[in-house]
PDB file of all heavy atoms in Angstrom:
ATOM      1  N   PHE A   1       0.822  -1.213   0.000  1.00  0.00           N
ATOM      2  CA  PHE A   1       0.000   0.000   0.000  1.00  0.00           C
ATOM      3  C   PHE A   1       0.856   1.263   0.000  1.00  0.00           C
ATOM      4  O   PHE A   1       0.546   2.229  -0.702  1.00  0.00           O
ATOM      5  CB  PHE A   1      -0.934  -0.004   1.209  1.00  0.00           C
ATOM      6  CG  PHE A   1      -1.743   1.256   1.330  1.00  0.00           C
ATOM      7  CD1 PHE A   1      -2.842   1.463   0.515  1.00  0.00           C
ATOM      8  CD2 PHE A   1      -1.383   2.257   2.230  1.00  0.00           C
ATOM      9  CE1 PHE A   1      -3.585   2.637   0.595  1.00  0.00           C
ATOM     10  CE2 PHE A   1      -2.122   3.428   2.323  1.00  0.00           C
ATOM     11  CZ  PHE A   1      -3.219   3.608   1.498  1.00  0.00           C
ATOM     12  N   ALA A   2       1.935   1.292   0.817  1.00  0.00           N
ATOM     13  CA  ALA A   2       2.773   2.494   0.913  1.00  0.00           C
ATOM     14  C   ALA A   2       3.344   2.851  -0.457  1.00  0.00           C
ATOM     15  O   ALA A   2       3.373   4.026  -0.845  1.00  0.00           O
ATOM     16  CB  ALA A   2       3.899   2.274   1.915  1.00  0.00           C
ATOM     17  N   PHE A   3       3.785   1.844  -1.206  1.00  0.00           N
ATOM     18  CA  PHE A   3       4.349   2.099  -2.530  1.00  0.00           C
ATOM     19  C   PHE A   3       3.268   2.610  -3.486  1.00  0.00           C
ATOM     20  O   PHE A   3       3.479   3.589  -4.210  1.00  0.00           O
ATOM     21  CB  PHE A   3       4.979   0.822  -3.081  1.00  0.00           C
ATOM     22  CG  PHE A   3       5.592   0.985  -4.441  1.00  0.00           C
ATOM     23  CD1 PHE A   3       6.838   1.579  -4.584  1.00  0.00           C
ATOM     24  CD2 PHE A   3       4.923   0.547  -5.570  1.00  0.00           C
ATOM     25  CE1 PHE A   3       7.411   1.740  -5.840  1.00  0.00           C
ATOM     26  CE2 PHE A   3       5.482   0.707  -6.831  1.00  0.00           C
ATOM     27  CZ  PHE A   3       6.726   1.303  -6.965  1.00  0.00           C
ATOM     28  N   PHE A   4       2.107   1.972  -3.479  1.00  0.00           N
ATOM     29  CA  PHE A   4       1.010   2.387  -4.362  1.00  0.00           C
ATOM     30  C   PHE A   4       0.561   3.806  -4.039  1.00  0.00           C
ATOM     31  O   PHE A   4       0.388   4.638  -4.946  1.00  0.00           O
ATOM     32  CB  PHE A   4      -0.164   1.419  -4.209  1.00  0.00           C
ATOM     33  CG  PHE A   4      -1.399   1.848  -4.948  1.00  0.00           C
ATOM     34  CD1 PHE A   4      -1.494   1.714  -6.322  1.00  0.00           C
ATOM     35  CD2 PHE A   4      -2.484   2.401  -4.260  1.00  0.00           C
ATOM     36  CE1 PHE A   4      -2.627   2.121  -7.010  1.00  0.00           C
ATOM     37  CE2 PHE A   4      -3.617   2.810  -4.938  1.00  0.00           C
ATOM     38  CZ  PHE A   4      -3.685   2.662  -6.320  1.00  0.00           C
ATOM     39  N   PHE A   5       0.396   4.106  -2.756  1.00  0.00           N
ATOM     40  CA  PHE A   5      -0.047   5.435  -2.333  1.00  0.00           C
ATOM     41  C   PHE A   5       0.992   6.489  -2.705  1.00  0.00           C
ATOM     42  O   PHE A   5       0.655   7.571  -3.199  1.00  0.00           O
ATOM     43  CB  PHE A   5      -0.294   5.442  -0.825  1.00  0.00           C
ATOM     44  CG  PHE A   5      -0.779   6.754  -0.275  1.00  0.00           C
ATOM     45  CD1 PHE A   5      -2.011   7.277  -0.639  1.00  0.00           C
ATOM     46  CD2 PHE A   5       0.007   7.481   0.615  1.00  0.00           C
ATOM     47  CE1 PHE A   5      -2.465   8.489  -0.138  1.00  0.00           C
ATOM     48  CE2 PHE A   5      -0.423   8.690   1.117  1.00  0.00           C
ATOM     49  CZ  PHE A   5      -1.659   9.194   0.744  1.00  0.00           C
ATOM     50  N   SER A   6       2.271   6.182  -2.513  1.00  0.00           N
ATOM     51  CA  SER A   6       3.337   7.120  -2.835  1.00  0.00           C
ATOM     52  C   SER A   6       3.407   7.390  -4.328  1.00  0.00           C
ATOM     53  O   SER A   6       3.650   8.523  -4.759  1.00  0.00           O
ATOM     54  CB  SER A   6       4.682   6.568  -2.337  1.00  0.00           C
ATOM     55  OG  SER A   6       4.682   6.428  -0.929  1.00  0.00           O
ATOM     56  N   LYS A   7       3.172   6.362  -5.135  1.00  0.00           N
ATOM     57  CA  LYS A   7       3.158   6.547  -6.587  1.00  0.00           C
ATOM     58  C   LYS A   7       2.009   7.457  -7.006  1.00  0.00           C
ATOM     59  O   LYS A   7       2.150   8.278  -7.921  1.00  0.00           O
ATOM     60  CB  LYS A   7       3.027   5.192  -7.291  1.00  0.00           C
ATOM     61  CG  LYS A   7       4.244   4.307  -7.166  1.00  0.00           C
ATOM     62  CD  LYS A   7       5.345   4.700  -8.132  1.00  0.00           C
ATOM     63  CE  LYS A   7       5.061   4.222  -9.528  1.00  0.00           C
ATOM     64  NZ  LYS A   7       6.203   4.494 -10.440  1.00  0.00           N
ATOM     65  N   GLN A   8       0.889   7.340  -6.338  1.00  0.00           N
ATOM     66  CA  GLN A   8      -0.245   8.221  -6.633  1.00  0.00           C
ATOM     67  C   GLN A   8       0.055   9.656  -6.231  1.00  0.00           C
ATOM     68  O   GLN A   8      -0.336  10.601  -6.916  1.00  0.00           O
ATOM     69  CB  GLN A   8      -1.513   7.730  -5.933  1.00  0.00           C
ATOM     70  CG  GLN A   8      -2.272   6.657  -6.677  1.00  0.00           C
ATOM     71  CD  GLN A   8      -3.052   7.223  -7.869  1.00  0.00           C
ATOM     72  OE1 GLN A   8      -3.166   8.427  -8.060  1.00  0.00           O
ATOM     73  NE2 GLN A   8      -3.597   6.330  -8.680  1.00  0.00           N
ATOM     74  N   LEU A   9       0.760   9.837  -5.119  1.00  0.00           N
ATOM     75  CA  LEU A   9       1.136  11.186  -4.705  1.00  0.00           C
ATOM     76  C   LEU A   9       2.107  11.801  -5.707  1.00  0.00           C
ATOM     77  O   LEU A   9       2.040  12.998  -5.993  1.00  0.00           O
ATOM     78  CB  LEU A   9       1.773  11.161  -3.311  1.00  0.00           C
ATOM     79  CG  LEU A   9       0.833  10.891  -2.138  1.00  0.00           C
ATOM     80  CD1 LEU A   9       1.632  10.744  -0.854  1.00  0.00           C
ATOM     81  CD2 LEU A   9      -0.207  11.996  -1.987  1.00  0.00           C
ATOM     82  N   ARG A  10       2.982  10.983  -6.258  1.00  0.00           N
ATOM     83  CA  ARG A  10       3.945  11.474  -7.244  1.00  0.00           C
ATOM     84  C   ARG A  10       3.259  11.852  -8.547  1.00  0.00           C
ATOM     85  O   ARG A  10       3.560  12.878  -9.143  1.00  0.00           O
ATOM     86  CB  ARG A  10       5.007  10.407  -7.514  1.00  0.00           C
ATOM     87  CG  ARG A  10       6.043  10.828  -8.542  1.00  0.00           C
ATOM     88  CD  ARG A  10       7.016   9.701  -8.839  1.00  0.00           C
ATOM     89  NE  ARG A  10       8.044  10.145  -9.766  1.00  0.00           N
ATOM     90  CZ  ARG A  10       7.912  10.145 -11.091  1.00  0.00           C
ATOM     91  NH1 ARG A  10       6.775   9.713 -11.638  1.00  0.00           N
ATOM     92  NH2 ARG A  10       8.891  10.569 -11.866  1.00  0.00           N
ATOM     93  N   HIS A  11       2.321  11.012  -8.978  1.00  0.00           N
ATOM     94  CA  HIS A  11       1.662  11.235 -10.272  1.00  0.00           C
ATOM     95  C   HIS A  11       0.206  10.774 -10.163  1.00  0.00           C
ATOM     96  O   HIS A  11      -0.123   9.654 -10.538  1.00  0.00           O
ATOM     97  CB  HIS A  11       2.384  10.458 -11.371  1.00  0.00           C
ATOM     98  CG  HIS A  11       1.941  10.830 -12.748  1.00  0.00           C
ATOM     99  ND1 HIS A  11       2.700  10.571 -13.860  1.00  0.00           N
ATOM    100  CD2 HIS A  11       0.819  11.448 -13.221  1.00  0.00           C
ATOM    101  CE1 HIS A  11       2.076  11.000 -14.941  1.00  0.00           C
ATOM    102  NE2 HIS A  11       0.924  11.531 -14.565  1.00  0.00           N
ATOM    103  N   PRO A  12      -0.681  11.634  -9.629  1.00  0.00           N
ATOM    104  CA  PRO A  12      -2.085  11.250  -9.441  1.00  0.00           C
ATOM    105  C   PRO A  12      -2.758  10.871 -10.754  1.00  0.00           C
ATOM    106  O   PRO A  12      -2.632  11.571 -11.762  1.00  0.00           O
ATOM    107  CB  PRO A  12      -2.717  12.508  -8.835  1.00  0.00           C
ATOM    108  CG  PRO A  12      -1.582  13.243  -8.207  1.00  0.00           C
ATOM    109  CD  PRO A  12      -0.417  12.991  -9.121  1.00  0.00           C
ATOM    110  N   ARG A  13      -3.495   9.752 -10.729  1.00  0.00           N
ATOM    111  CA  ARG A  13      -4.173   9.270 -11.926  1.00  0.00           C
ATOM    112  C   ARG A  13      -5.582   8.810 -11.578  1.00  0.00           C
ATOM    113  O   ARG A  13      -5.830   8.285 -10.491  1.00  0.00           O
ATOM    114  CB  ARG A  13      -3.416   8.092 -12.550  1.00  0.00           C
ATOM    115  CG  ARG A  13      -2.050   8.425 -13.130  1.00  0.00           C
ATOM    116  CD  ARG A  13      -1.402   7.170 -13.698  1.00  0.00           C
ATOM    117  NE  ARG A  13      -0.181   7.437 -14.453  1.00  0.00           N
ATOM    118  CZ  ARG A  13       1.034   7.469 -13.935  1.00  0.00           C
ATOM    119  NH1 ARG A  13       1.185   7.257 -12.640  1.00  0.00           N
ATOM    120  NH2 ARG A  13       2.094   7.702 -14.695  1.00  0.00           N
ATOM    121  N   GLY A  14      -6.491   8.981 -12.536  1.00  0.00           N
ATOM    122  CA  GLY A  14      -7.838   8.426 -12.424  1.00  0.00           C
ATOM    123  C   GLY A  14      -8.645   9.011 -11.287  1.00  0.00           C
ATOM    124  O   GLY A  14      -8.354  10.087 -10.759  1.00  0.00           O
ATOM    125  N   TRP A  15      -9.690   8.271 -10.903  1.00  0.00           N
ATOM    126  CA  TRP A  15     -10.607   8.763  -9.874  1.00  0.00           C
ATOM    127  C   TRP A  15      -9.920   8.919  -8.532  1.00  0.00           C
ATOM    128  O   TRP A  15     -10.197   9.861  -7.785  1.00  0.00           O
ATOM    129  CB  TRP A  15     -11.822   7.833  -9.754  1.00  0.00           C
ATOM    130  CG  TRP A  15     -11.482   6.438  -9.300  1.00  0.00           C
ATOM    131  CD1 TRP A  15     -11.211   5.353 -10.078  1.00  0.00           C
ATOM    132  CD2 TRP A  15     -11.377   5.977  -7.937  1.00  0.00           C
ATOM    133  NE1 TRP A  15     -10.937   4.250  -9.303  1.00  0.00           N
ATOM    134  CE2 TRP A  15     -11.043   4.599  -7.987  1.00  0.00           C
ATOM    135  CE3 TRP A  15     -11.532   6.583  -6.700  1.00  0.00           C
ATOM    136  CZ2 TRP A  15     -10.857   3.822  -6.844  1.00  0.00           C
ATOM    137  CZ3 TRP A  15     -11.353   5.829  -5.553  1.00  0.00           C
ATOM    138  CH2 TRP A  15     -11.027   4.463  -5.641  1.00  0.00           C
ATOM    139  N   LEU A  16      -8.955   8.025  -8.229  1.00  0.00           N
ATOM    140  CA  LEU A  16      -8.243   8.142  -6.959  1.00  0.00           C
ATOM    141  C   LEU A  16      -7.367   9.393  -6.953  1.00  0.00           C
ATOM    142  O   LEU A  16      -7.283  10.098  -5.946  1.00  0.00           O
ATOM    143  CB  LEU A  16      -7.389   6.902  -6.715  1.00  0.00           C
ATOM    144  CG  LEU A  16      -6.588   6.877  -5.402  1.00  0.00           C
ATOM    145  CD1 LEU A  16      -7.502   7.071  -4.201  1.00  0.00           C
ATOM    146  CD2 LEU A  16      -5.806   5.569  -5.283  1.00  0.00           C
ATOM    147  N   GLY A  17      -6.762   9.686  -8.088  1.00  0.00           N
ATOM    148  CA  GLY A  17      -5.957  10.895  -8.192  1.00  0.00           C
ATOM    149  C   GLY A  17      -6.782  12.145  -7.986  1.00  0.00           C
ATOM    150  O   GLY A  17      -6.332  13.109  -7.347  1.00  0.00           O
ATOM    151  N   ALA A  18      -8.011  12.152  -8.517  1.00  0.00           N
ATOM    152  CA  ALA A  18      -8.896  13.303  -8.345  1.00  0.00           C
ATOM    153  C   ALA A  18      -9.277  13.485  -6.880  1.00  0.00           C
ATOM    154  O   ALA A  18      -9.354  14.617  -6.377  1.00  0.00           O
ATOM    155  CB  ALA A  18     -10.145  13.133  -9.204  1.00  0.00           C
ATOM    156  N   ILE A  19      -9.510  12.381  -6.194  1.00  0.00           N
ATOM    157  CA  ILE A  19      -9.821  12.459  -4.762  1.00  0.00           C
ATOM    158  C   ILE A  19      -8.606  12.964  -3.979  1.00  0.00           C
ATOM    159  O   ILE A  19      -8.724  13.794  -3.069  1.00  0.00           O
ATOM    160  CB  ILE A  19     -10.267  11.075  -4.228  1.00  0.00           C
ATOM    161  CG1 ILE A  19     -11.623  10.701  -4.830  1.00  0.00           C
ATOM    162  CG2 ILE A  19     -10.336  11.072  -2.698  1.00  0.00           C
ATOM    163  CD1 ILE A  19     -12.072   9.293  -4.510  1.00  0.00           C
ATOM    164  N   LEU A  20      -7.421  12.468  -4.355  1.00  0.00           N
ATOM    165  CA  LEU A  20      -6.203  12.892  -3.677  1.00  0.00           C
ATOM    166  C   LEU A  20      -5.961  14.388  -3.800  1.00  0.00           C
ATOM    167  O   LEU A  20      -5.360  15.004  -2.915  1.00  0.00           O
ATOM    168  CB  LEU A  20      -4.997  12.135  -4.233  1.00  0.00           C
ATOM    169  CG  LEU A  20      -4.674  10.781  -3.607  1.00  0.00           C
ATOM    170  CD1 LEU A  20      -3.500  10.143  -4.324  1.00  0.00           C
ATOM    171  CD2 LEU A  20      -4.397  10.918  -2.121  1.00  0.00           C
ATOM    172  N   ALA A  21      -6.436  14.986  -4.886  1.00  0.00           N
ATOM    173  CA  ALA A  21      -6.266  16.424  -5.073  1.00  0.00           C
ATOM    174  C   ALA A  21      -6.910  17.194  -3.925  1.00  0.00           C
ATOM    175  O   ALA A  21      -6.330  18.153  -3.404  1.00  0.00           O
ATOM    176  CB  ALA A  21      -6.870  16.852  -6.406  1.00  0.00           C
ATOM    177  N   SER A  22      -8.102  16.783  -3.526  1.00  0.00           N
ATOM    178  CA  SER A  22      -8.782  17.444  -2.412  1.00  0.00           C
ATOM    179  C   SER A  22      -8.051  17.198  -1.095  1.00  0.00           C
ATOM    180  O   SER A  22      -7.941  18.100  -0.250  1.00  0.00           O
ATOM    181  CB  SER A  22     -10.232  16.947  -2.318  1.00  0.00           C
ATOM    182  OG  SER A  22     -10.943  17.268  -3.496  1.00  0.00           O
ATOM    183  N   VAL A  23      -7.540  15.980  -0.922  1.00  0.00           N
ATOM    184  CA  VAL A  23      -6.782  15.655   0.287  1.00  0.00           C
ATOM    185  C   VAL A  23      -5.510  16.496   0.350  1.00  0.00           C
ATOM    186  O   VAL A  23      -5.160  17.049   1.400  1.00  0.00           O
ATOM    187  CB  VAL A  23      -6.433  14.147   0.316  1.00  0.00           C
ATOM    188  CG1 VAL A  23      -5.538  13.827   1.513  1.00  0.00           C
ATOM    189  CG2 VAL A  23      -7.702  13.309   0.361  1.00  0.00           C
ATOM    190  N   MET A  24      -4.824  16.625  -0.788  1.00  0.00           N
ATOM    191  CA  MET A  24      -3.593  17.417  -0.836  1.00  0.00           C
ATOM    192  C   MET A  24      -3.861  18.880  -0.502  1.00  0.00           C
ATOM    193  O   MET A  24      -3.071  19.519   0.205  1.00  0.00           O
ATOM    194  CB  MET A  24      -2.945  17.297  -2.207  1.00  0.00           C
ATOM    195  CG  MET A  24      -2.272  15.958  -2.460  1.00  0.00           C
ATOM    196  SD  MET A  24      -1.281  15.927  -3.989  1.00  0.00           S
ATOM    197  CE  MET A  24      -2.562  15.994  -5.224  1.00  0.00           C
ATOM    198  N   ASN A  25      -4.970  19.400  -0.989  1.00  0.00           N
ATOM    199  CA  ASN A  25      -5.304  20.793  -0.681  1.00  0.00           C
ATOM    200  C   ASN A  25      -5.444  21.003   0.820  1.00  0.00           C
ATOM    201  O   ASN A  25      -4.991  22.018   1.366  1.00  0.00           O
ATOM    202  CB  ASN A  25      -6.593  21.197  -1.395  1.00  0.00           C
ATOM    203  CG  ASN A  25      -6.394  21.451  -2.875  1.00  0.00           C
ATOM    204  OD1 ASN A  25      -5.268  21.620  -3.334  1.00  0.00           O
ATOM    205  ND2 ASN A  25      -7.482  21.489  -3.619  1.00  0.00           N
ATOM    206  N   ARG A  26      -6.085  20.054   1.485  1.00  0.00           N
ATOM    207  CA  ARG A  26      -6.273  20.171   2.935  1.00  0.00           C
ATOM    208  C   ARG A  26      -4.949  19.977   3.686  1.00  0.00           C
ATOM    209  O   ARG A  26      -4.594  20.770   4.569  1.00  0.00           O
ATOM    210  CB  ARG A  26      -7.291  19.135   3.409  1.00  0.00           C
ATOM    211  CG  ARG A  26      -7.605  19.235   4.903  1.00  0.00           C
ATOM    212  CD  ARG A  26      -8.671  18.246   5.316  1.00  0.00           C
ATOM    213  NE  ARG A  26      -8.208  16.865   5.217  1.00  0.00           N
ATOM    214  CZ  ARG A  26      -8.644  15.993   4.324  1.00  0.00           C
ATOM    215  NH1 ARG A  26      -9.542  16.354   3.421  1.00  0.00           N
ATOM    216  NH2 ARG A  26      -8.181  14.763   4.300  1.00  0.00           N
TER     217      ARG A  26
END
């Protein structure tokens, strides 16, 4: 999970990436 989550933080993709955008803003 840590690797998958970190990869998404590096390069957000798809629906999870869109959700992460809101999390990153906060």
